[in-house]
Amino acid sequence: PKETAEDPEFGPMTLDAKTGWEGKVLFAPTGQFVHLSLPIGAASTIKEHHAAFGGLVRSYEDLRPAIGEALFQLFAPSLQEWDETDQNVPRTPQEMLNKTTLWGIELQPGASELLFAFVPEVGWDDAMFSVVASNGAVAPRSLDD
């Protein structure tokens, strides 16, 4: 059986020996539950994780334009594969924000990875976008499908 713990801020968490602590947490800026991962080997305390999560919650709205830019940078090379008349395909960073949802957060003090998925209407349900938020900036990391 996997080890479990009840975190006062994050709620129930399960230890995966390969990756770290994992759980689902309500992310107030989106009003949705997201997957939360606290990686093993991160030289940080739970207090630092709580502080990093609180900082992300407070800064998320300000980061959204940069998140849209980073997501669109990852998606733009794939645009030529889509029908130009498909209204569900994002064609700008703002549309990218509207057509994706925050799926998960790999929380590390200083630099957290945010994972986004397309909304179902787009029709690419196995796409996962990864961006990194660090010190008020956002950078694209990867697009996996």
N, C-alpha and C. Protein backbone atom coordinates (compact mmCIF):
# COMPACT_ATOMS: atom_id res chain seq x y z
N PRO A 1 0.83 -1.21 0.00
CA PRO A 1 0.00 0.00 0.00
C PRO A 1 0.86 1.26 0.00
N LYS A 2 0.37 2.27 -0.69
CA LYS A 2 1.10 3.53 -0.74
C LYS A 2 0.88 4.32 0.54
N GLU A 3 1.90 5.07 0.90
CA GLU A 3 1.81 5.93 2.08
C GLU A 3 0.91 7.11 1.76
N THR A 4 0.05 7.46 2.71
CA THR A 4 -0.84 8.61 2.55
C THR A 4 -0.66 9.55 3.73
N ALA A 5 -1.00 10.81 3.50
CA ALA A 5 -0.93 11.81 4.56
C ALA A 5 -2.00 12.86 4.29
N GLU A 6 -2.45 13.48 5.34
CA GLU A 6 -3.43 14.57 5.23
C GLU A 6 -2.68 15.88 5.47
N ASP A 7 -2.52 16.65 4.40
CA ASP A 7 -1.85 17.94 4.52
C ASP A 7 -2.89 18.98 4.87
N PRO A 8 -2.61 19.88 5.83
CA PRO A 8 -3.62 20.87 6.24
C PRO A 8 -4.03 21.83 5.12
N GLU A 9 -3.17 22.07 4.14
CA GLU A 9 -3.52 22.97 3.05
C GLU A 9 -3.91 22.22 1.77
N PHE A 10 -3.20 21.14 1.47
CA PHE A 10 -3.41 20.43 0.21
C PHE A 10 -4.42 19.30 0.32
N GLY A 11 -4.73 18.87 1.54
CA GLY A 11 -5.67 17.76 1.71
C GLY A 11 -4.95 16.43 1.61
N PRO A 12 -5.70 15.37 1.23
CA PRO A 12 -5.09 14.05 1.16
C PRO A 12 -4.03 13.96 0.08
N MET A 13 -2.88 13.41 0.44
CA MET A 13 -1.76 13.24 -0.48
C MET A 13 -1.30 11.79 -0.40
N THR A 14 -0.83 11.28 -1.54
CA THR A 14 -0.32 9.91 -1.62
C THR A 14 1.12 9.95 -2.10
N LEU A 15 1.96 9.16 -1.46
CA LEU A 15 3.37 9.11 -1.84
C LEU A 15 3.58 8.06 -2.92
N ASP A 16 4.07 8.51 -4.06
CA ASP A 16 4.52 7.62 -5.12
C ASP A 16 6.03 7.57 -4.99
N ALA A 17 6.59 6.40 -4.73
CA ALA A 17 8.01 6.26 -4.44
C ALA A 17 8.91 6.77 -5.57
N LYS A 18 8.40 6.79 -6.80
CA LYS A 18 9.22 7.23 -7.93
C LYS A 18 9.13 8.73 -8.19
N THR A 19 7.95 9.31 -7.93
CA THR A 19 7.76 10.71 -8.32
C THR A 19 7.61 11.68 -7.16
N GLY A 20 6.97 11.27 -6.09
CA GLY A 20 6.78 12.16 -4.95
C GLY A 20 5.35 12.14 -4.45
N TRP A 21 5.00 13.16 -3.70
CA TRP A 21 3.65 13.28 -3.14
C TRP A 21 2.70 13.80 -4.21
N GLU A 22 1.51 13.22 -4.28
CA GLU A 22 0.53 13.61 -5.28
C GLU A 22 -0.86 13.70 -4.65
N GLY A 23 -1.66 14.59 -5.21
CA GLY A 23 -3.04 14.72 -4.75
C GLY A 23 -3.81 15.64 -5.66
N LYS A 24 -5.04 15.91 -5.28
CA LYS A 24 -5.89 16.85 -6.01
C LYS A 24 -6.18 18.00 -5.06
N VAL A 25 -6.09 19.22 -5.59
CA VAL A 25 -6.29 20.40 -4.76
C VAL A 25 -7.13 21.41 -5.52
N LEU A 26 -7.97 22.12 -4.79
CA LEU A 26 -8.76 23.18 -5.40
C LEU A 26 -7.84 24.36 -5.68
N PHE A 27 -7.78 24.77 -6.94
CA PHE A 27 -6.97 25.92 -7.32
C PHE A 27 -7.92 27.10 -7.46
N ALA A 28 -7.93 27.96 -6.46
CA ALA A 28 -8.92 29.03 -6.37
C ALA A 28 -9.03 29.91 -7.62
N PRO A 29 -7.93 30.30 -8.28
CA PRO A 29 -8.08 31.17 -9.45
C PRO A 29 -8.93 30.57 -10.58
N THR A 30 -8.95 29.24 -10.68
CA THR A 30 -9.74 28.61 -11.74
C THR A 30 -11.04 28.03 -11.20
N GLY A 31 -11.12 27.86 -9.88
CA GLY A 31 -12.30 27.24 -9.29
C GLY A 31 -12.39 25.75 -9.58
N GLN A 32 -11.30 25.14 -10.02
CA GLN A 32 -11.27 23.73 -10.40
C GLN A 32 -10.24 22.97 -9.56
N PHE A 33 -10.48 21.67 -9.41
CA PHE A 33 -9.48 20.82 -8.79
C PHE A 33 -8.43 20.48 -9.83
N VAL A 34 -7.16 20.53 -9.43
CA VAL A 34 -6.05 20.19 -10.31
C VAL A 34 -5.18 19.14 -9.63
N HIS A 35 -4.46 18.40 -10.44
CA HIS A 35 -3.50 17.42 -9.93
C HIS A 35 -2.32 18.21 -9.36
N LEU A 36 -1.89 17.85 -8.17
CA LEU A 36 -0.75 18.52 -7.53
C LEU A 36 0.34 17.49 -7.27
N SER A 37 1.56 17.83 -7.67
CA SER A 37 2.70 16.95 -7.46
C SER A 37 3.79 17.72 -6.72
N LEU A 38 4.30 17.09 -5.67
CA LEU A 38 5.44 17.63 -4.92
C LEU A 38 6.58 16.64 -5.14
N PRO A 39 7.49 16.93 -6.06
CA PRO A 39 8.51 15.95 -6.47
C PRO A 39 9.45 15.52 -5.36
N ILE A 40 9.83 14.26 -5.42
CA ILE A 40 10.86 13.72 -4.53
C ILE A 40 12.18 14.35 -4.95
N GLY A 41 13.00 14.62 -3.99
CA GLY A 41 14.31 15.16 -4.29
C GLY A 41 14.33 16.68 -4.31
N ALA A 42 13.16 17.29 -4.30
CA ALA A 42 13.12 18.75 -4.22
C ALA A 42 13.59 19.12 -2.81
N ALA A 43 14.65 19.86 -2.74
CA ALA A 43 15.20 20.22 -1.44
C ALA A 43 14.39 21.36 -0.84
N SER A 44 13.17 21.02 -0.44
CA SER A 44 12.30 22.04 0.12
C SER A 44 11.41 21.41 1.19
N THR A 45 10.90 22.25 2.06
CA THR A 45 10.04 21.79 3.13
C THR A 45 8.58 21.98 2.73
N ILE A 46 7.70 21.38 3.48
CA ILE A 46 6.27 21.54 3.20
C ILE A 46 5.86 23.01 3.36
N LYS A 47 6.50 23.72 4.28
CA LYS A 47 6.20 25.15 4.43
C LYS A 47 6.57 25.90 3.16
N GLU A 48 7.69 25.53 2.54
CA GLU A 48 8.09 26.17 1.28
C GLU A 48 7.10 25.82 0.16
N HIS A 49 6.61 24.58 0.17
CA HIS A 49 5.60 24.19 -0.82
C HIS A 49 4.31 24.99 -0.62
N HIS A 50 3.89 25.14 0.63
CA HIS A 50 2.69 25.94 0.93
C HIS A 50 2.89 27.38 0.45
N ALA A 51 4.06 27.93 0.73
CA ALA A 51 4.35 29.32 0.32
C ALA A 51 4.36 29.44 -1.20
N ALA A 52 4.97 28.45 -1.88
CA ALA A 52 5.03 28.48 -3.34
C ALA A 52 3.62 28.39 -3.93
N PHE A 53 2.78 27.53 -3.36
CA PHE A 53 1.40 27.38 -3.84
C PHE A 53 0.63 28.69 -3.62
N GLY A 54 0.78 29.27 -2.44
CA GLY A 54 0.10 30.55 -2.15
C GLY A 54 0.55 31.64 -3.10
N GLY A 55 1.85 31.69 -3.40
CA GLY A 55 2.37 32.67 -4.35
C GLY A 55 1.81 32.46 -5.74
N LEU A 56 1.67 31.20 -6.16
CA LEU A 56 1.11 30.90 -7.47
C LEU A 56 -0.36 31.30 -7.53
N VAL A 57 -1.09 31.02 -6.47
CA VAL A 57 -2.50 31.43 -6.41
C VAL A 57 -2.62 32.95 -6.55
N ARG A 58 -1.78 33.67 -5.81
CA ARG A 58 -1.85 35.14 -5.83
C ARG A 58 -1.42 35.73 -7.18
N SER A 59 -0.47 35.10 -7.84
CA SER A 59 0.07 35.68 -9.08
C SER A 59 -0.57 35.15 -10.35
N TYR A 60 -1.42 34.14 -10.24
CA TYR A 60 -1.93 33.45 -11.43
C TYR A 60 -2.61 34.38 -12.42
N GLU A 61 -3.47 35.24 -11.97
CA GLU A 61 -4.18 36.14 -12.89
C GLU A 61 -3.20 37.05 -13.63
N ASP A 62 -2.19 37.54 -12.94
CA ASP A 62 -1.18 38.38 -13.58
C ASP A 62 -0.33 37.59 -14.58
N LEU A 63 -0.16 36.29 -14.33
CA LEU A 63 0.65 35.45 -15.21
C LEU A 63 -0.11 34.99 -16.46
N ARG A 64 -1.43 35.08 -16.45
CA ARG A 64 -2.22 34.52 -17.55
C ARG A 64 -1.82 35.00 -18.94
N PRO A 65 -1.58 36.29 -19.17
CA PRO A 65 -1.15 36.68 -20.52
C PRO A 65 0.15 35.97 -20.95
N ALA A 66 1.11 35.86 -20.04
CA ALA A 66 2.36 35.18 -20.36
C ALA A 66 2.15 33.68 -20.54
N ILE A 67 1.22 33.11 -19.78
CA ILE A 67 0.87 31.69 -19.95
C ILE A 67 0.29 31.48 -21.34
N GLY A 68 -0.62 32.35 -21.76
CA GLY A 68 -1.20 32.25 -23.10
C GLY A 68 -0.13 32.32 -24.18
N GLU A 69 0.82 33.23 -24.03
CA GLU A 69 1.92 33.37 -25.00
C GLU A 69 2.75 32.08 -25.05
N ALA A 70 3.09 31.54 -23.87
CA ALA A 70 3.91 30.33 -23.81
C ALA A 70 3.17 29.13 -24.41
N LEU A 71 1.90 29.00 -24.08
CA LEU A 71 1.10 27.90 -24.64
C LEU A 71 1.02 28.01 -26.16
N PHE A 72 0.79 29.24 -26.63
CA PHE A 72 0.66 29.43 -28.08
C PHE A 72 1.99 29.15 -28.79
N GLN A 73 3.11 29.50 -28.18
CA GLN A 73 4.42 29.19 -28.77
C GLN A 73 4.58 27.69 -28.96
N LEU A 74 4.07 26.91 -28.01
CA LEU A 74 4.16 25.46 -28.12
C LEU A 74 3.23 24.91 -29.20
N PHE A 75 2.05 25.54 -29.35
CA PHE A 75 1.04 25.03 -30.28
C PHE A 75 1.24 25.52 -31.71
N ALA A 76 1.77 26.71 -31.90
CA ALA A 76 1.84 27.35 -33.22
C ALA A 76 2.44 26.46 -34.31
N PRO A 77 3.51 25.69 -34.04
CA PRO A 77 4.04 24.84 -35.12
C PRO A 77 3.05 23.78 -35.62
N SER A 78 2.03 23.47 -34.83
CA SER A 78 1.03 22.47 -35.23
C SER A 78 -0.14 23.07 -36.01
N LEU A 79 -0.22 24.40 -36.07
CA LEU A 79 -1.38 25.05 -36.68
C LEU A 79 -1.62 24.62 -38.13
N GLN A 80 -0.55 24.41 -38.91
CA GLN A 80 -0.75 24.07 -40.32
C GLN A 80 -1.45 22.73 -40.50
N GLU A 81 -1.48 21.90 -39.46
CA GLU A 81 -2.13 20.60 -39.54
C GLU A 81 -3.64 20.69 -39.35
N TRP A 82 -4.15 21.86 -38.99
CA TRP A 82 -5.57 22.03 -38.70
C TRP A 82 -6.28 22.75 -39.84
N ASP A 83 -7.55 22.46 -39.98
CA ASP A 83 -8.39 23.12 -40.98
C ASP A 83 -8.52 24.61 -40.61
N GLU A 84 -8.23 25.47 -41.58
CA GLU A 84 -8.28 26.92 -41.33
C GLU A 84 -9.65 27.41 -40.91
N THR A 85 -10.69 26.69 -41.26
CA THR A 85 -12.06 27.14 -40.95
C THR A 85 -12.57 26.59 -39.61
N ASP A 86 -11.79 25.74 -38.95
CA ASP A 86 -12.23 25.15 -37.68
C ASP A 86 -12.21 26.22 -36.59
N GLN A 87 -13.39 26.60 -36.13
CA GLN A 87 -13.53 27.66 -35.12
C GLN A 87 -13.05 27.24 -33.74
N ASN A 88 -12.85 25.94 -33.52
CA ASN A 88 -12.43 25.46 -32.21
C ASN A 88 -10.93 25.48 -32.03
N VAL A 89 -10.19 25.76 -33.09
CA VAL A 89 -8.73 25.76 -33.02
C VAL A 89 -8.24 27.16 -32.62
N PRO A 90 -7.44 27.25 -31.56
CA PRO A 90 -6.93 28.56 -31.14
C PRO A 90 -5.92 29.12 -32.14
N ARG A 91 -6.04 30.42 -32.41
CA ARG A 91 -5.15 31.06 -33.38
C ARG A 91 -4.42 32.27 -32.79
N THR A 92 -4.65 32.54 -31.50
CA THR A 92 -3.97 33.63 -30.80
C THR A 92 -3.66 33.17 -29.37
N PRO A 93 -2.75 33.85 -28.68
CA PRO A 93 -2.50 33.50 -27.28
C PRO A 93 -3.75 33.60 -26.41
N GLN A 94 -4.60 34.61 -26.65
CA GLN A 94 -5.83 34.74 -25.85
C GLN A 94 -6.77 33.57 -26.12
N GLU A 95 -6.91 33.19 -27.39
CA GLU A 95 -7.75 32.03 -27.70
C GLU A 95 -7.17 30.76 -27.08
N MET A 96 -5.84 30.70 -27.03
CA MET A 96 -5.18 29.55 -26.41
C MET A 96 -5.59 29.42 -24.94
N LEU A 97 -5.65 30.55 -24.23
CA LEU A 97 -6.10 30.53 -22.84
C LEU A 97 -7.54 30.05 -22.73
N ASN A 98 -8.37 30.48 -23.67
CA ASN A 98 -9.78 30.13 -23.64
C ASN A 98 -10.03 28.67 -24.02
N LYS A 99 -9.09 28.06 -24.73
CA LYS A 99 -9.28 26.70 -25.24
C LYS A 99 -8.48 25.66 -24.45
N THR A 100 -7.86 26.07 -23.36
CA THR A 100 -7.13 25.14 -22.51
C THR A 100 -7.61 25.25 -21.07
N THR A 101 -7.31 24.24 -20.32
CA THR A 101 -7.64 24.24 -18.90
C THR A 101 -6.42 23.76 -18.11
N LEU A 102 -6.21 24.34 -16.94
CA LEU A 102 -5.10 23.93 -16.09
C LEU A 102 -5.41 22.54 -15.56
N TRP A 103 -4.56 21.57 -15.88
CA TRP A 103 -4.76 20.18 -15.47
C TRP A 103 -3.97 19.86 -14.20
N GLY A 104 -2.74 20.38 -14.10
CA GLY A 104 -1.92 20.02 -12.96
C GLY A 104 -0.78 20.98 -12.70
N ILE A 105 -0.22 20.84 -11.52
CA ILE A 105 0.90 21.69 -11.07
C ILE A 105 1.95 20.79 -10.44
N GLU A 106 3.18 20.90 -10.93
CA GLU A 106 4.31 20.28 -10.25
C GLU A 106 4.97 21.42 -9.48
N LEU A 107 4.76 21.41 -8.18
CA LEU A 107 5.11 22.56 -7.35
C LEU A 107 6.53 22.45 -6.82
N GLN A 108 7.34 23.43 -7.16
CA GLN A 108 8.69 23.54 -6.61
C GLN A 108 8.94 24.99 -6.29
N PRO A 109 9.45 25.27 -5.11
CA PRO A 109 9.77 26.66 -4.79
C PRO A 109 10.72 27.24 -5.84
N GLY A 110 10.37 28.38 -6.36
CA GLY A 110 11.21 29.04 -7.35
C GLY A 110 10.79 28.83 -8.79
N ALA A 111 10.31 27.62 -9.12
CA ALA A 111 9.92 27.33 -10.51
C ALA A 111 8.92 26.19 -10.53
N SER A 112 7.67 26.49 -10.81
CA SER A 112 6.64 25.46 -10.85
C SER A 112 6.23 25.18 -12.28
N GLU A 113 6.03 23.89 -12.56
CA GLU A 113 5.58 23.47 -13.88
C GLU A 113 4.05 23.42 -13.88
N LEU A 114 3.44 24.08 -14.86
CA LEU A 114 1.98 24.08 -15.01
C LEU A 114 1.63 23.27 -16.23
N LEU A 115 0.71 22.33 -16.07
CA LEU A 115 0.30 21.45 -17.15
C LEU A 115 -1.11 21.82 -17.61
N PHE A 116 -1.27 22.01 -18.91
CA PHE A 116 -2.54 22.41 -19.49
C PHE A 116 -3.00 21.39 -20.53
N ALA A 117 -4.30 21.22 -20.63
CA ALA A 117 -4.90 20.35 -21.65
C ALA A 117 -5.92 21.18 -22.43
N PHE A 118 -6.16 20.77 -23.67
CA PHE A 118 -7.20 21.42 -24.46
C PHE A 118 -8.57 21.08 -23.88
N VAL A 119 -9.53 21.99 -24.06
CA VAL A 119 -10.92 21.69 -23.75
C VAL A 119 -11.40 20.68 -24.81
N PRO A 120 -12.42 19.89 -24.51
CA PRO A 120 -12.85 18.83 -25.44
C PRO A 120 -13.21 19.32 -26.85
N GLU A 121 -13.75 20.52 -26.98
CA GLU A 121 -14.19 21.02 -28.29
C GLU A 121 -13.06 21.10 -29.31
N VAL A 122 -11.83 21.26 -28.85
CA VAL A 122 -10.69 21.37 -29.76
C VAL A 122 -10.46 20.06 -30.51
N GLY A 123 -10.68 18.95 -29.81
CA GLY A 123 -10.55 17.66 -30.46
C GLY A 123 -9.16 17.04 -30.40
N TRP A 124 -8.32 17.49 -29.48
CA TRP A 124 -6.99 16.89 -29.29
C TRP A 124 -6.87 16.57 -27.81
N ASP A 125 -7.56 15.51 -27.40
CA ASP A 125 -7.72 15.24 -25.97
C ASP A 125 -6.48 14.67 -25.29
N ASP A 126 -5.48 14.23 -26.06
CA ASP A 126 -4.28 13.70 -25.41
C ASP A 126 -3.10 14.68 -25.44
N ALA A 127 -3.35 15.90 -25.86
CA ALA A 127 -2.28 16.92 -25.85
C ALA A 127 -2.07 17.43 -24.42
N MET A 128 -0.82 17.54 -24.01
CA MET A 128 -0.50 18.10 -22.70
C MET A 128 0.61 19.13 -22.88
N PHE A 129 0.28 20.36 -22.50
CA PHE A 129 1.22 21.48 -22.61
C PHE A 129 1.86 21.72 -21.26
N SER A 130 3.15 21.98 -21.26
CA SER A 130 3.89 22.25 -20.04
C SER A 130 4.57 23.60 -20.16
N VAL A 131 4.31 24.47 -19.17
CA VAL A 131 5.00 25.75 -19.09
C VAL A 131 5.57 25.87 -17.68
N VAL A 132 6.61 26.70 -17.55
CA VAL A 132 7.25 26.87 -16.25
C VAL A 132 7.08 28.31 -15.80
N ALA A 133 6.55 28.47 -14.59
CA ALA A 133 6.39 29.79 -13.98
C ALA A 133 7.49 29.96 -12.95
N SER A 134 8.26 31.05 -13.11
CA SER A 134 9.38 31.29 -12.20
C SER A 134 9.61 32.79 -12.07
N ASN A 135 9.58 33.28 -10.85
CA ASN A 135 9.88 34.69 -10.57
C ASN A 135 9.07 35.65 -11.43
N GLY A 136 7.78 35.38 -11.57
CA GLY A 136 6.89 36.28 -12.31
C GLY A 136 6.96 36.15 -13.82
N ALA A 137 7.75 35.21 -14.33
CA ALA A 137 7.86 34.98 -15.78
C ALA A 137 7.36 33.58 -16.11
N VAL A 138 6.99 33.39 -17.36
CA VAL A 138 6.51 32.08 -17.82
C VAL A 138 7.27 31.71 -19.08
N ALA A 139 7.72 30.47 -19.14
CA ALA A 139 8.45 29.98 -20.33
C ALA A 139 7.81 28.67 -20.81
N PRO A 140 7.74 28.49 -22.14
CA PRO A 140 7.23 27.22 -22.66
C PRO A 140 8.23 26.11 -22.36
N ARG A 141 7.73 24.91 -22.07
CA ARG A 141 8.61 23.76 -21.84
C ARG A 141 8.39 22.67 -22.89
N SER A 142 7.14 22.15 -22.99
CA SER A 142 6.94 21.05 -23.91
C SER A 142 5.47 20.89 -24.29
N LEU A 143 5.26 20.18 -25.40
CA LEU A 143 3.94 19.74 -25.84
C LEU A 143 4.05 18.26 -26.11
N ASP A 144 3.29 17.48 -25.36
CA ASP A 144 3.30 16.03 -25.54
C ASP A 144 1.91 15.56 -25.92
N ASP A 145 1.87 14.50 -26.74
CA ASP A 145 0.57 13.90 -27.03
C ASP A 145 0.69 12.39 -27.10
